[in-house]
Amino acid sequence: KNNIKVLMSDGKSSIADQNVGLSFFPNLRNSSCDLDGDGIGVVDYSATKDTLVMVLSELKSKLTDDDHLLVFVTDHGGKDNTNGESYINLWNRERIYPTEFANCFNGFNAGYISFVLGQCYSGGFIPALKADNHIVMTACGEDEESFRCSSTDKDYNEFLYNWTSYINGSDTYGNTVL
């Protein structure tokens, strides 16, 4: 856990930042910073460009060729009508575009970097992130939306849920995943 940095919505703020209702009938609440249910908050910073650049700059100075950096994005994405580019939604209506995001990883000494991108239009990030030591996995193509699945007791992004279940070796119900 000491090597994980979590950037999420408004960070540790106690202001309501999550809509659990409909867009036209919002029901706002404060996001929990305890993402793994152990009673300890794991959110470090808000999900803004400034904090992303700060965290990646810090990591850049620490990582070596022996390290593996995993970048896991779960958020909304979109496609800009003016320039046709995909983007990741950040906090407070900020957006980050593929080239801008990829530039954050220039000069990293990590042996390799894996990107797991679950947002809609995430495939638009593949060309910018491609490099010899990069692995890029996306939920969908550059012109596609990512799928949200709901069940009676879970609400999740289908790609990220299945990816995480595979890495974990089991799903949330305890079923073995091979």
N, C-alpha and C. Protein backbone atom coordinates (compact mmCIF):
# COMPACT_ATOMS: atom_id res chain seq x y z
N LYS A 1 0.81 -1.20 0.00
CA LYS A 1 0.00 0.00 0.00
C LYS A 1 0.85 1.27 0.00
N ASN A 2 2.08 1.17 0.51
CA ASN A 2 2.94 2.34 0.55
C ASN A 2 3.35 2.82 -0.83
N ASN A 3 3.22 1.98 -1.84
CA ASN A 3 3.62 2.33 -3.20
C ASN A 3 2.44 2.70 -4.09
N ILE A 4 1.26 2.83 -3.52
CA ILE A 4 0.07 3.17 -4.30
C ILE A 4 -0.30 4.62 -4.03
N LYS A 5 -0.54 5.36 -5.08
CA LYS A 5 -1.00 6.74 -4.98
C LYS A 5 -2.39 6.80 -5.62
N VAL A 6 -3.37 7.28 -4.86
CA VAL A 6 -4.74 7.35 -5.35
C VAL A 6 -5.15 8.80 -5.53
N LEU A 7 -5.53 9.13 -6.76
CA LEU A 7 -6.08 10.44 -7.08
C LEU A 7 -7.55 10.22 -7.39
N MET A 8 -8.44 10.83 -6.63
CA MET A 8 -9.87 10.59 -6.82
C MET A 8 -10.67 11.86 -6.56
N SER A 9 -11.55 12.17 -7.44
CA SER A 9 -12.46 13.31 -7.38
C SER A 9 -11.83 14.49 -6.65
N ASP A 10 -12.41 14.92 -5.51
CA ASP A 10 -11.89 16.09 -4.80
C ASP A 10 -10.93 15.72 -3.68
N GLY A 11 -10.38 14.52 -3.76
CA GLY A 11 -9.40 14.08 -2.77
C GLY A 11 -10.03 13.80 -1.42
N LYS A 12 -9.44 14.36 -0.38
CA LYS A 12 -9.89 14.10 0.99
C LYS A 12 -10.95 15.08 1.48
N SER A 13 -11.43 15.94 0.61
CA SER A 13 -12.43 16.94 1.00
C SER A 13 -13.70 16.26 1.50
N SER A 14 -14.36 16.90 2.45
CA SER A 14 -15.60 16.35 3.00
C SER A 14 -16.84 16.88 2.28
N ILE A 15 -16.64 17.62 1.20
CA ILE A 15 -17.75 18.16 0.43
C ILE A 15 -18.33 17.06 -0.46
N ALA A 16 -19.65 17.06 -0.63
CA ALA A 16 -20.31 16.07 -1.49
C ALA A 16 -19.75 16.16 -2.90
N ASP A 17 -19.26 15.02 -3.40
CA ASP A 17 -18.59 15.00 -4.71
C ASP A 17 -19.04 13.85 -5.59
N GLN A 18 -19.99 13.07 -5.16
CA GLN A 18 -20.41 11.89 -5.92
C GLN A 18 -21.92 11.92 -6.10
N ASN A 19 -22.37 11.78 -7.34
CA ASN A 19 -23.80 11.72 -7.62
C ASN A 19 -24.23 10.26 -7.70
N VAL A 20 -25.06 9.84 -6.78
CA VAL A 20 -25.58 8.47 -6.80
C VAL A 20 -27.01 8.45 -7.34
N GLY A 21 -27.44 9.58 -7.87
CA GLY A 21 -28.77 9.69 -8.47
C GLY A 21 -28.67 9.83 -9.97
N LEU A 22 -29.65 10.43 -10.56
CA LEU A 22 -29.69 10.67 -12.00
C LEU A 22 -29.18 12.07 -12.29
N SER A 23 -28.73 12.30 -13.52
CA SER A 23 -28.20 13.63 -13.85
C SER A 23 -29.26 14.72 -13.69
N PHE A 24 -30.51 14.38 -13.99
CA PHE A 24 -31.57 15.38 -13.88
C PHE A 24 -32.21 15.39 -12.49
N PHE A 25 -31.85 14.44 -11.62
CA PHE A 25 -32.34 14.39 -10.24
C PHE A 25 -31.20 13.91 -9.36
N PRO A 26 -30.18 14.78 -9.19
CA PRO A 26 -28.97 14.35 -8.47
C PRO A 26 -29.20 14.03 -7.00
N ASN A 27 -28.45 13.09 -6.51
CA ASN A 27 -28.41 12.73 -5.11
C ASN A 27 -26.93 12.70 -4.73
N LEU A 28 -26.44 13.81 -4.18
CA LEU A 28 -25.01 13.96 -3.92
C LEU A 28 -24.63 13.48 -2.53
N ARG A 29 -23.43 12.85 -2.46
CA ARG A 29 -22.87 12.43 -1.19
C ARG A 29 -21.35 12.55 -1.28
N ASN A 30 -20.70 12.47 -0.15
CA ASN A 30 -19.24 12.51 -0.13
C ASN A 30 -18.70 11.11 -0.41
N SER A 31 -17.74 11.02 -1.32
CA SER A 31 -17.11 9.73 -1.63
C SER A 31 -16.33 9.24 -0.43
N SER A 32 -16.35 7.95 -0.23
CA SER A 32 -15.54 7.35 0.83
C SER A 32 -14.08 7.29 0.37
N CYS A 33 -13.18 7.61 1.26
CA CYS A 33 -11.75 7.49 0.97
C CYS A 33 -11.23 6.09 1.29
N ASP A 34 -12.08 5.25 1.90
CA ASP A 34 -11.73 3.87 2.24
C ASP A 34 -12.19 2.97 1.10
N LEU A 35 -11.32 2.78 0.13
CA LEU A 35 -11.70 2.04 -1.08
C LEU A 35 -11.59 0.53 -0.94
N ASP A 36 -10.88 0.06 0.07
CA ASP A 36 -10.74 -1.39 0.22
C ASP A 36 -11.45 -1.95 1.45
N GLY A 37 -12.21 -1.12 2.15
CA GLY A 37 -13.04 -1.58 3.26
C GLY A 37 -12.30 -1.94 4.54
N ASP A 38 -11.06 -1.49 4.69
CA ASP A 38 -10.32 -1.83 5.90
C ASP A 38 -10.40 -0.74 6.98
N GLY A 39 -11.22 0.27 6.74
CA GLY A 39 -11.38 1.35 7.71
C GLY A 39 -10.34 2.45 7.62
N ILE A 40 -9.41 2.34 6.67
CA ILE A 40 -8.36 3.34 6.50
C ILE A 40 -8.50 4.00 5.14
N GLY A 41 -8.56 5.31 5.11
CA GLY A 41 -8.66 6.04 3.85
C GLY A 41 -7.40 5.89 3.02
N VAL A 42 -7.56 5.66 1.73
CA VAL A 42 -6.41 5.46 0.85
C VAL A 42 -6.27 6.54 -0.20
N VAL A 43 -7.22 7.47 -0.26
CA VAL A 43 -7.15 8.54 -1.25
C VAL A 43 -6.10 9.55 -0.81
N ASP A 44 -5.19 9.86 -1.72
CA ASP A 44 -4.10 10.77 -1.41
C ASP A 44 -4.37 12.20 -1.87
N TYR A 45 -4.90 12.35 -3.09
CA TYR A 45 -5.03 13.66 -3.69
C TYR A 45 -6.30 13.74 -4.54
N SER A 46 -6.65 14.96 -4.90
CA SER A 46 -7.74 15.17 -5.86
C SER A 46 -7.24 14.79 -7.25
N ALA A 47 -8.16 14.48 -8.12
CA ALA A 47 -7.82 14.07 -9.49
C ALA A 47 -7.81 15.28 -10.41
N THR A 48 -6.76 16.07 -10.28
CA THR A 48 -6.58 17.24 -11.14
C THR A 48 -5.28 17.08 -11.92
N LYS A 49 -5.12 17.89 -12.95
CA LYS A 49 -3.87 17.84 -13.72
C LYS A 49 -2.67 18.16 -12.84
N ASP A 50 -2.80 19.18 -12.01
CA ASP A 50 -1.68 19.58 -11.16
C ASP A 50 -1.23 18.45 -10.25
N THR A 51 -2.17 17.77 -9.60
CA THR A 51 -1.77 16.69 -8.70
C THR A 51 -1.26 15.48 -9.47
N LEU A 52 -1.81 15.21 -10.65
CA LEU A 52 -1.30 14.12 -11.48
C LEU A 52 0.16 14.38 -11.85
N VAL A 53 0.45 15.58 -12.32
CA VAL A 53 1.82 15.94 -12.69
C VAL A 53 2.74 15.86 -11.47
N MET A 54 2.28 16.32 -10.31
CA MET A 54 3.08 16.29 -9.09
C MET A 54 3.41 14.85 -8.70
N VAL A 55 2.41 13.99 -8.67
CA VAL A 55 2.62 12.59 -8.27
C VAL A 55 3.54 11.88 -9.25
N LEU A 56 3.33 12.09 -10.55
CA LEU A 56 4.17 11.44 -11.54
C LEU A 56 5.61 11.98 -11.51
N SER A 57 5.78 13.25 -11.21
CA SER A 57 7.13 13.81 -11.07
C SER A 57 7.85 13.16 -9.89
N GLU A 58 7.13 12.97 -8.81
CA GLU A 58 7.71 12.31 -7.63
C GLU A 58 8.10 10.86 -7.97
N LEU A 59 7.23 10.16 -8.66
CA LEU A 59 7.52 8.77 -9.03
C LEU A 59 8.69 8.70 -10.01
N LYS A 60 8.74 9.65 -10.92
CA LYS A 60 9.81 9.67 -11.93
C LYS A 60 11.19 9.69 -11.27
N SER A 61 11.29 10.39 -10.16
CA SER A 61 12.59 10.49 -9.49
C SER A 61 12.91 9.24 -8.66
N LYS A 62 11.93 8.38 -8.41
CA LYS A 62 12.14 7.20 -7.57
C LYS A 62 12.27 5.90 -8.35
N LEU A 63 11.60 5.80 -9.48
CA LEU A 63 11.55 4.52 -10.19
C LEU A 63 12.86 4.21 -10.90
N THR A 64 13.14 2.91 -11.01
CA THR A 64 14.33 2.44 -11.71
C THR A 64 13.92 1.41 -12.76
N ASP A 65 14.89 0.91 -13.50
CA ASP A 65 14.62 -0.11 -14.52
C ASP A 65 14.06 -1.40 -13.91
N ASP A 66 14.21 -1.59 -12.63
CA ASP A 66 13.69 -2.78 -11.96
C ASP A 66 12.22 -2.64 -11.55
N ASP A 67 11.65 -1.47 -11.75
CA ASP A 67 10.28 -1.20 -11.30
C ASP A 67 9.25 -1.35 -12.41
N HIS A 68 8.04 -1.64 -11.98
CA HIS A 68 6.87 -1.72 -12.86
C HIS A 68 5.86 -0.71 -12.34
N LEU A 69 5.45 0.20 -13.19
CA LEU A 69 4.44 1.19 -12.82
C LEU A 69 3.11 0.77 -13.43
N LEU A 70 2.08 0.67 -12.60
CA LEU A 70 0.73 0.37 -13.07
C LEU A 70 -0.11 1.64 -12.93
N VAL A 71 -0.68 2.08 -14.03
CA VAL A 71 -1.55 3.26 -14.05
C VAL A 71 -2.95 2.74 -14.34
N PHE A 72 -3.85 2.87 -13.37
CA PHE A 72 -5.20 2.32 -13.44
C PHE A 72 -6.19 3.48 -13.43
N VAL A 73 -6.93 3.66 -14.52
CA VAL A 73 -7.86 4.78 -14.64
C VAL A 73 -9.29 4.25 -14.66
N THR A 74 -10.05 4.67 -13.68
CA THR A 74 -11.48 4.38 -13.67
C THR A 74 -12.19 5.71 -13.51
N ASP A 75 -12.82 6.13 -14.55
CA ASP A 75 -13.49 7.43 -14.56
C ASP A 75 -14.29 7.52 -15.85
N HIS A 76 -14.85 8.67 -16.05
CA HIS A 76 -15.55 8.90 -17.30
C HIS A 76 -14.58 9.48 -18.32
N GLY A 77 -14.83 9.17 -19.56
CA GLY A 77 -14.07 9.74 -20.65
C GLY A 77 -15.03 10.26 -21.69
N GLY A 78 -14.51 10.94 -22.64
CA GLY A 78 -15.34 11.49 -23.69
C GLY A 78 -14.55 11.67 -24.96
N LYS A 79 -15.23 12.22 -25.95
CA LYS A 79 -14.59 12.53 -27.23
C LYS A 79 -14.92 13.98 -27.54
N ASP A 80 -13.90 14.78 -27.71
CA ASP A 80 -14.05 16.21 -27.93
C ASP A 80 -14.57 16.44 -29.35
N ASN A 81 -15.69 17.14 -29.48
CA ASN A 81 -16.28 17.40 -30.79
C ASN A 81 -15.46 18.38 -31.63
N THR A 82 -14.65 19.21 -30.98
CA THR A 82 -13.89 20.21 -31.74
C THR A 82 -12.60 19.64 -32.33
N ASN A 83 -11.92 18.73 -31.60
CA ASN A 83 -10.67 18.20 -32.14
C ASN A 83 -10.70 16.69 -32.40
N GLY A 84 -11.81 16.03 -32.08
CA GLY A 84 -11.96 14.60 -32.33
C GLY A 84 -11.15 13.71 -31.42
N GLU A 85 -10.54 14.27 -30.38
CA GLU A 85 -9.68 13.48 -29.48
C GLU A 85 -10.46 12.96 -28.28
N SER A 86 -10.02 11.78 -27.83
CA SER A 86 -10.54 11.22 -26.58
C SER A 86 -9.95 12.01 -25.43
N TYR A 87 -10.62 11.95 -24.28
CA TYR A 87 -10.08 12.59 -23.08
C TYR A 87 -10.57 11.84 -21.84
N ILE A 88 -9.86 12.06 -20.74
CA ILE A 88 -10.26 11.55 -19.43
C ILE A 88 -10.80 12.74 -18.66
N ASN A 89 -11.97 12.56 -18.05
CA ASN A 89 -12.52 13.59 -17.18
C ASN A 89 -11.77 13.58 -15.86
N LEU A 90 -11.32 14.73 -15.44
CA LEU A 90 -10.69 14.90 -14.14
C LEU A 90 -11.62 15.71 -13.25
N TRP A 91 -11.18 16.01 -12.05
CA TRP A 91 -12.01 16.75 -11.12
C TRP A 91 -12.21 18.19 -11.58
N ASN A 92 -13.35 18.74 -11.23
CA ASN A 92 -13.68 20.14 -11.47
C ASN A 92 -13.69 20.49 -12.95
N ARG A 93 -14.20 19.56 -13.75
CA ARG A 93 -14.39 19.73 -15.20
C ARG A 93 -13.10 19.81 -16.00
N GLU A 94 -11.98 19.42 -15.40
CA GLU A 94 -10.73 19.37 -16.16
C GLU A 94 -10.74 18.13 -17.06
N ARG A 95 -10.00 18.24 -18.13
CA ARG A 95 -9.83 17.12 -19.06
C ARG A 95 -8.35 16.93 -19.33
N ILE A 96 -7.97 15.67 -19.58
CA ILE A 96 -6.62 15.41 -20.04
C ILE A 96 -6.72 14.58 -21.31
N TYR A 97 -5.99 15.02 -22.33
CA TYR A 97 -6.03 14.41 -23.65
C TYR A 97 -4.85 13.44 -23.82
N PRO A 98 -4.92 12.55 -24.80
CA PRO A 98 -3.90 11.50 -24.95
C PRO A 98 -2.45 11.98 -24.97
N THR A 99 -2.12 12.95 -25.79
CA THR A 99 -0.73 13.41 -25.89
C THR A 99 -0.26 14.03 -24.58
N GLU A 100 -1.12 14.80 -23.98
CA GLU A 100 -0.84 15.45 -22.71
C GLU A 100 -0.59 14.39 -21.61
N PHE A 101 -1.43 13.36 -21.59
CA PHE A 101 -1.30 12.27 -20.63
C PHE A 101 0.00 11.50 -20.88
N ALA A 102 0.25 11.16 -22.13
CA ALA A 102 1.47 10.42 -22.49
C ALA A 102 2.73 11.21 -22.13
N ASN A 103 2.70 12.52 -22.32
CA ASN A 103 3.86 13.36 -22.00
C ASN A 103 4.22 13.32 -20.51
N CYS A 104 3.24 13.02 -19.67
CA CYS A 104 3.50 12.90 -18.23
C CYS A 104 4.45 11.74 -17.93
N PHE A 105 4.57 10.79 -18.86
CA PHE A 105 5.39 9.60 -18.62
C PHE A 105 6.72 9.65 -19.37
N ASN A 106 7.00 10.74 -20.06
CA ASN A 106 8.31 10.90 -20.72
C ASN A 106 9.41 10.93 -19.68
N GLY A 107 10.50 10.24 -19.96
CA GLY A 107 11.65 10.26 -19.07
C GLY A 107 11.58 9.34 -17.88
N PHE A 108 10.54 8.49 -17.81
CA PHE A 108 10.46 7.52 -16.72
C PHE A 108 11.50 6.44 -16.90
N ASN A 109 12.11 6.03 -15.81
CA ASN A 109 13.11 4.96 -15.86
C ASN A 109 12.52 3.60 -15.50
N ALA A 110 11.22 3.50 -15.38
CA ALA A 110 10.59 2.22 -15.02
C ALA A 110 10.90 1.19 -16.10
N GLY A 111 11.11 -0.05 -15.65
CA GLY A 111 11.35 -1.14 -16.60
C GLY A 111 10.21 -1.24 -17.60
N TYR A 112 8.98 -1.16 -17.07
CA TYR A 112 7.83 -1.06 -17.96
C TYR A 112 6.66 -0.41 -17.23
N ILE A 113 5.75 0.12 -18.01
CA ILE A 113 4.57 0.81 -17.50
C ILE A 113 3.35 0.16 -18.13
N SER A 114 2.42 -0.25 -17.28
CA SER A 114 1.15 -0.81 -17.74
C SER A 114 0.04 0.21 -17.51
N PHE A 115 -0.77 0.42 -18.53
CA PHE A 115 -1.91 1.33 -18.44
C PHE A 115 -3.19 0.50 -18.57
N VAL A 116 -4.08 0.63 -17.60
CA VAL A 116 -5.39 -0.02 -17.64
C VAL A 116 -6.39 1.12 -17.63
N LEU A 117 -7.04 1.34 -18.77
CA LEU A 117 -7.93 2.49 -18.94
C LEU A 117 -9.36 2.01 -19.14
N GLY A 118 -10.24 2.35 -18.22
CA GLY A 118 -11.61 1.87 -18.26
C GLY A 118 -12.63 2.86 -18.75
N GLN A 119 -12.23 4.07 -19.05
CA GLN A 119 -13.20 5.11 -19.43
C GLN A 119 -13.68 4.96 -20.87
N CYS A 120 -14.82 5.54 -21.18
CA CYS A 120 -15.33 5.56 -22.55
C CYS A 120 -14.29 6.22 -23.46
N TYR A 121 -14.18 5.73 -24.67
CA TYR A 121 -13.27 6.24 -25.70
C TYR A 121 -11.79 6.06 -25.32
N SER A 122 -11.52 5.14 -24.41
CA SER A 122 -10.15 4.93 -23.92
C SER A 122 -9.21 4.45 -25.01
N GLY A 123 -9.72 3.82 -26.04
CA GLY A 123 -8.88 3.36 -27.14
C GLY A 123 -8.17 4.50 -27.85
N GLY A 124 -8.67 5.72 -27.71
CA GLY A 124 -8.03 6.89 -28.31
C GLY A 124 -6.70 7.23 -27.66
N PHE A 125 -6.38 6.60 -26.53
CA PHE A 125 -5.12 6.84 -25.84
C PHE A 125 -4.01 5.90 -26.32
N ILE A 126 -4.37 4.84 -27.03
CA ILE A 126 -3.37 3.83 -27.43
C ILE A 126 -2.24 4.42 -28.27
N PRO A 127 -2.51 5.15 -29.36
CA PRO A 127 -1.39 5.67 -30.17
C PRO A 127 -0.41 6.54 -29.38
N ALA A 128 -0.92 7.39 -28.50
CA ALA A 128 -0.05 8.29 -27.74
C ALA A 128 0.77 7.55 -26.69
N LEU A 129 0.22 6.48 -26.13
CA LEU A 129 0.90 5.76 -25.05
C LEU A 129 1.80 4.63 -25.53
N LYS A 130 1.70 4.27 -26.81
CA LYS A 130 2.52 3.17 -27.33
C LYS A 130 4.00 3.46 -27.19
N ALA A 131 4.72 2.49 -26.62
CA ALA A 131 6.18 2.57 -26.49
C ALA A 131 6.69 1.16 -26.22
N ASP A 132 7.98 0.95 -26.41
CA ASP A 132 8.56 -0.38 -26.24
C ASP A 132 8.32 -0.96 -24.85
N ASN A 133 8.36 -0.13 -23.83
CA ASN A 133 8.18 -0.65 -22.47
C ASN A 133 6.80 -0.34 -21.89
N HIS A 134 5.81 -0.10 -22.75
CA HIS A 134 4.45 0.20 -22.30
C HIS A 134 3.51 -0.93 -22.71
N ILE A 135 2.60 -1.26 -21.81
CA ILE A 135 1.49 -2.17 -22.10
C ILE A 135 0.23 -1.34 -21.92
N VAL A 136 -0.61 -1.28 -22.96
CA VAL A 136 -1.80 -0.44 -22.90
C VAL A 136 -3.03 -1.32 -23.08
N MET A 137 -3.91 -1.33 -22.07
CA MET A 137 -5.16 -2.09 -22.11
C MET A 137 -6.31 -1.11 -21.96
N THR A 138 -7.28 -1.19 -22.86
CA THR A 138 -8.40 -0.26 -22.81
C THR A 138 -9.73 -1.01 -22.82
N ALA A 139 -10.73 -0.39 -22.25
CA ALA A 139 -12.06 -0.98 -22.18
C ALA A 139 -12.77 -1.00 -23.52
N CYS A 140 -12.35 -0.12 -24.43
CA CYS A 140 -13.07 0.01 -25.69
C CYS A 140 -12.19 0.73 -26.71
N GLY A 141 -12.71 0.87 -27.90
CA GLY A 141 -12.00 1.58 -28.96
C GLY A 141 -12.13 3.09 -28.82
N GLU A 142 -11.47 3.80 -29.71
CA GLU A 142 -11.48 5.26 -29.62
C GLU A 142 -12.84 5.88 -29.95
N ASP A 143 -13.71 5.13 -30.60
CA ASP A 143 -15.05 5.63 -30.95
C ASP A 143 -16.15 4.87 -30.22
N GLU A 144 -15.80 4.23 -29.10
CA GLU A 144 -16.77 3.39 -28.39
C GLU A 144 -16.91 3.81 -26.93
N GLU A 145 -18.06 3.48 -26.39
CA GLU A 145 -18.28 3.70 -24.97
C GLU A 145 -17.93 2.43 -24.22
N SER A 146 -17.49 2.59 -23.00
CA SER A 146 -17.21 1.47 -22.11
C SER A 146 -18.53 1.02 -21.49
N PHE A 147 -18.62 -0.26 -21.14
CA PHE A 147 -19.87 -0.79 -20.63
C PHE A 147 -19.94 -0.77 -19.12
N ARG A 148 -21.04 -0.28 -18.62
CA ARG A 148 -21.36 -0.31 -17.20
C ARG A 148 -22.36 -1.43 -17.00
N CYS A 149 -22.09 -2.29 -16.07
CA CYS A 149 -23.01 -3.39 -15.76
C CYS A 149 -23.52 -3.24 -14.35
N SER A 150 -24.76 -3.58 -14.19
CA SER A 150 -25.37 -3.54 -12.86
C SER A 150 -25.95 -4.90 -12.54
N SER A 151 -25.83 -5.27 -11.30
CA SER A 151 -26.51 -6.46 -10.81
C SER A 151 -27.23 -6.02 -9.55
N THR A 152 -27.88 -6.94 -8.90
CA THR A 152 -28.66 -6.55 -7.72
C THR A 152 -27.80 -6.02 -6.59
N ASP A 153 -26.54 -6.44 -6.51
CA ASP A 153 -25.71 -5.99 -5.39
C ASP A 153 -24.41 -5.31 -5.80
N LYS A 154 -24.13 -5.16 -7.08
CA LYS A 154 -22.90 -4.53 -7.54
C LYS A 154 -23.20 -3.59 -8.70
N ASP A 155 -22.43 -2.52 -8.79
CA ASP A 155 -22.53 -1.58 -9.90
C ASP A 155 -21.09 -1.33 -10.33
N TYR A 156 -20.73 -1.68 -11.58
CA TYR A 156 -19.33 -1.66 -11.95
C TYR A 156 -19.12 -1.47 -13.45
N ASN A 157 -17.89 -1.12 -13.79
CA ASN A 157 -17.46 -1.09 -15.18
C ASN A 157 -17.08 -2.53 -15.53
N GLU A 158 -17.67 -3.06 -16.57
CA GLU A 158 -17.48 -4.47 -16.91
C GLU A 158 -16.02 -4.83 -17.17
N PHE A 159 -15.32 -4.03 -17.96
CA PHE A 159 -13.92 -4.31 -18.28
C PHE A 159 -13.05 -4.30 -17.02
N LEU A 160 -13.17 -3.24 -16.22
CA LEU A 160 -12.33 -3.12 -15.02
C LEU A 160 -12.67 -4.19 -13.99
N TYR A 161 -13.94 -4.53 -13.86
CA TYR A 161 -14.34 -5.58 -12.93
C TYR A 161 -13.70 -6.92 -13.34
N ASN A 162 -13.81 -7.27 -14.61
CA ASN A 162 -13.24 -8.54 -15.07
C ASN A 162 -11.72 -8.53 -15.03
N TRP A 163 -11.09 -7.42 -15.36
CA TRP A 163 -9.63 -7.32 -15.29
C TRP A 163 -9.17 -7.49 -13.84
N THR A 164 -9.81 -6.78 -12.92
CA THR A 164 -9.44 -6.85 -11.51
C THR A 164 -9.70 -8.25 -10.94
N SER A 165 -10.82 -8.86 -11.33
CA SER A 165 -11.12 -10.23 -10.87
C SER A 165 -10.05 -11.20 -11.35
N TYR A 166 -9.60 -11.05 -12.58
CA TYR A 166 -8.57 -11.94 -13.11
C TYR A 166 -7.25 -11.76 -12.34
N ILE A 167 -6.85 -10.51 -12.12
CA ILE A 167 -5.62 -10.23 -11.39
C ILE A 167 -5.72 -10.77 -9.96
N ASN A 168 -6.91 -10.65 -9.36
CA ASN A 168 -7.14 -11.11 -7.99
C ASN A 168 -7.28 -12.64 -7.91
N GLY A 169 -7.65 -13.28 -9.01
CA GLY A 169 -7.84 -14.73 -9.02
C GLY A 169 -9.24 -15.16 -8.66
N SER A 170 -10.09 -14.19 -8.30
CA SER A 170 -11.49 -14.50 -8.00
C SER A 170 -12.33 -13.24 -8.14
N ASP A 171 -13.64 -13.45 -8.34
CA ASP A 171 -14.53 -12.31 -8.44
C ASP A 171 -15.05 -11.95 -7.06
N THR A 172 -15.95 -10.98 -6.97
CA THR A 172 -16.46 -10.53 -5.67
C THR A 172 -17.30 -11.58 -4.97
N TYR A 173 -17.70 -12.61 -5.68
CA TYR A 173 -18.51 -13.67 -5.09
C TYR A 173 -17.65 -14.86 -4.65
N GLY A 174 -16.33 -14.74 -4.82
CA GLY A 174 -15.42 -15.83 -4.44
C GLY A 174 -15.20 -16.89 -5.49
N ASN A 175 -15.78 -16.70 -6.69
CA ASN A 175 -15.59 -17.66 -7.76
C ASN A 175 -14.19 -17.52 -8.34
N THR A 176 -13.52 -18.64 -8.55
CA THR A 176 -12.18 -18.63 -9.13
C THR A 176 -12.23 -18.15 -10.55
N VAL A 177 -11.31 -17.26 -10.89
CA VAL A 177 -11.19 -16.74 -12.24
C VAL A 177 -9.82 -17.14 -12.78
N LEU A 178 -9.82 -17.82 -13.89
CA LEU A 178 -8.56 -18.27 -14.49
C LEU A 178 -8.23 -17.48 -15.73
